[in-house]
Amino acid sequence: MNDSSPYVDPVITAVAHFEGTRDHPTPNDRLVAIRRQAQAFREQMLDGPPARLLRSFDLVKAPYPTRYALRDACSLPVPYIHILNRLFVVQFDTPQGVKTLLAEPLDREGNARTPFFHRLGSKVGGAGGRVSQLLWPNRNEVGDCLAQLGLTPADIDYITYDHLHTQDLRRWLGTDTTEAYFPRAKLLVMRQEWMSVQGLLPTQADWYCPHGTAGVPDDRVILLDHDVMLGDSVALVRTPGHTEGNHSIVVHTPDGLFVTSENGVSADSYSPDKSSIPGLRRYAATTGAEVVLNGNTLEGAVDQYLSMVQEKEIAGCSQRNPDFFNVAPSSEMTAHVLSPGLEPTFYVGELNYGTPVRGGVAG
């Protein structure tokens, strides 16, 4: 499965499985090619070993406009859904030993400085107000989640995000004036996503933490130009659309492959024809669409549609409910008292597979 790799880090191996699938002249031809290759990629990953650990933790709920989250599909006139941001901890075997990947670590203070959410928070008295605590309830802190697994920040080898909306990396990776919370971790990010952050248009900048990457040392960042495998049980697959540099995290577990990104906000987004969210089933029947985009910046709607099909074909069906797919959104739509009538038909929730390796010794 692994091709020769241009990456210095031997844990990271470039794969060419999806090369050329988006080069076909028509979108439908691209869809056919991506679907075919996704199914083949899925089978080959399943032939390999599962990851030692996949554990996710609820971090914080946040309001998010329904018109973005369920683009064009929801018929209920409720202005906001609520999304639950999650942290994913993954451990996997490599010839260099067990490695630990942290996906989506959220700096709550940095997140609140994102222009869109800063304006929204200001309307209800700021991040520390009582109303704000109802809108943005905090569930866990990153360090506490690691401690539950017997891990410390120094145990983290890599961090990654499916995209960099709202993220402030300075606390985690350090700058000339700030000590890194994760002293050894390298950021794995698609080159296009990293470059986009350096020169955003106004429609994009509204969703990025101002200066969130400023001063991060170059040697803490690994820019990816390919789909890659991390060992034999984890993959980072380019899935542009929600942003130009979006990627999805694929982890092999005892229940199959789980795919994580924010191209969709719910399992319903990948099975609208099975959804009980008002409007989604009708939208699927009327348009023929098999996915519902999470589109705030609309950087590439055609690519995003293709990417969501790619994600669900890699993931395969959920063992808990075969009407839905093993896609675990990094920010998952949840029920909330302020969003009456809007809740997912199928809720993925927290994931818990495997036993952590603590201090180099299996727990």
Foldseek 3Di string as FASTA:
>chain_A
DFDCAPDPPPLKTFDCLLPPLPVDPDLVSSLVSLLVSLLVVLVQLLVDDFFQWKWKDFFKKAWDAPCQQQPPFFPDPQGTFIWTFMKIWTWGQDPVGIAIEIERQADVVLLCQQQVNVVVQVVVPHCPDPVNCQRMPGDDHPQVVQVVQQHALQRHAEYEYLAAFSAQCCQQQHFPPHQHRNNHYAYEFAPVRVVCVVPDDPLRSSGHRVCSPPRRDPVRYDHDPHWIHRHSFWTWHAQDWLHNGGTWIWGQFPQGIAIEHVQHAELCQQALCPWPRHRSVVVCVVPVQRGGGSHRSGNDHSSSSSSSSSNQSSFQAGPVDRSTGNYQYSIHGADHPSRPSDHTPDHPPIDTGHHDAHPSHTD
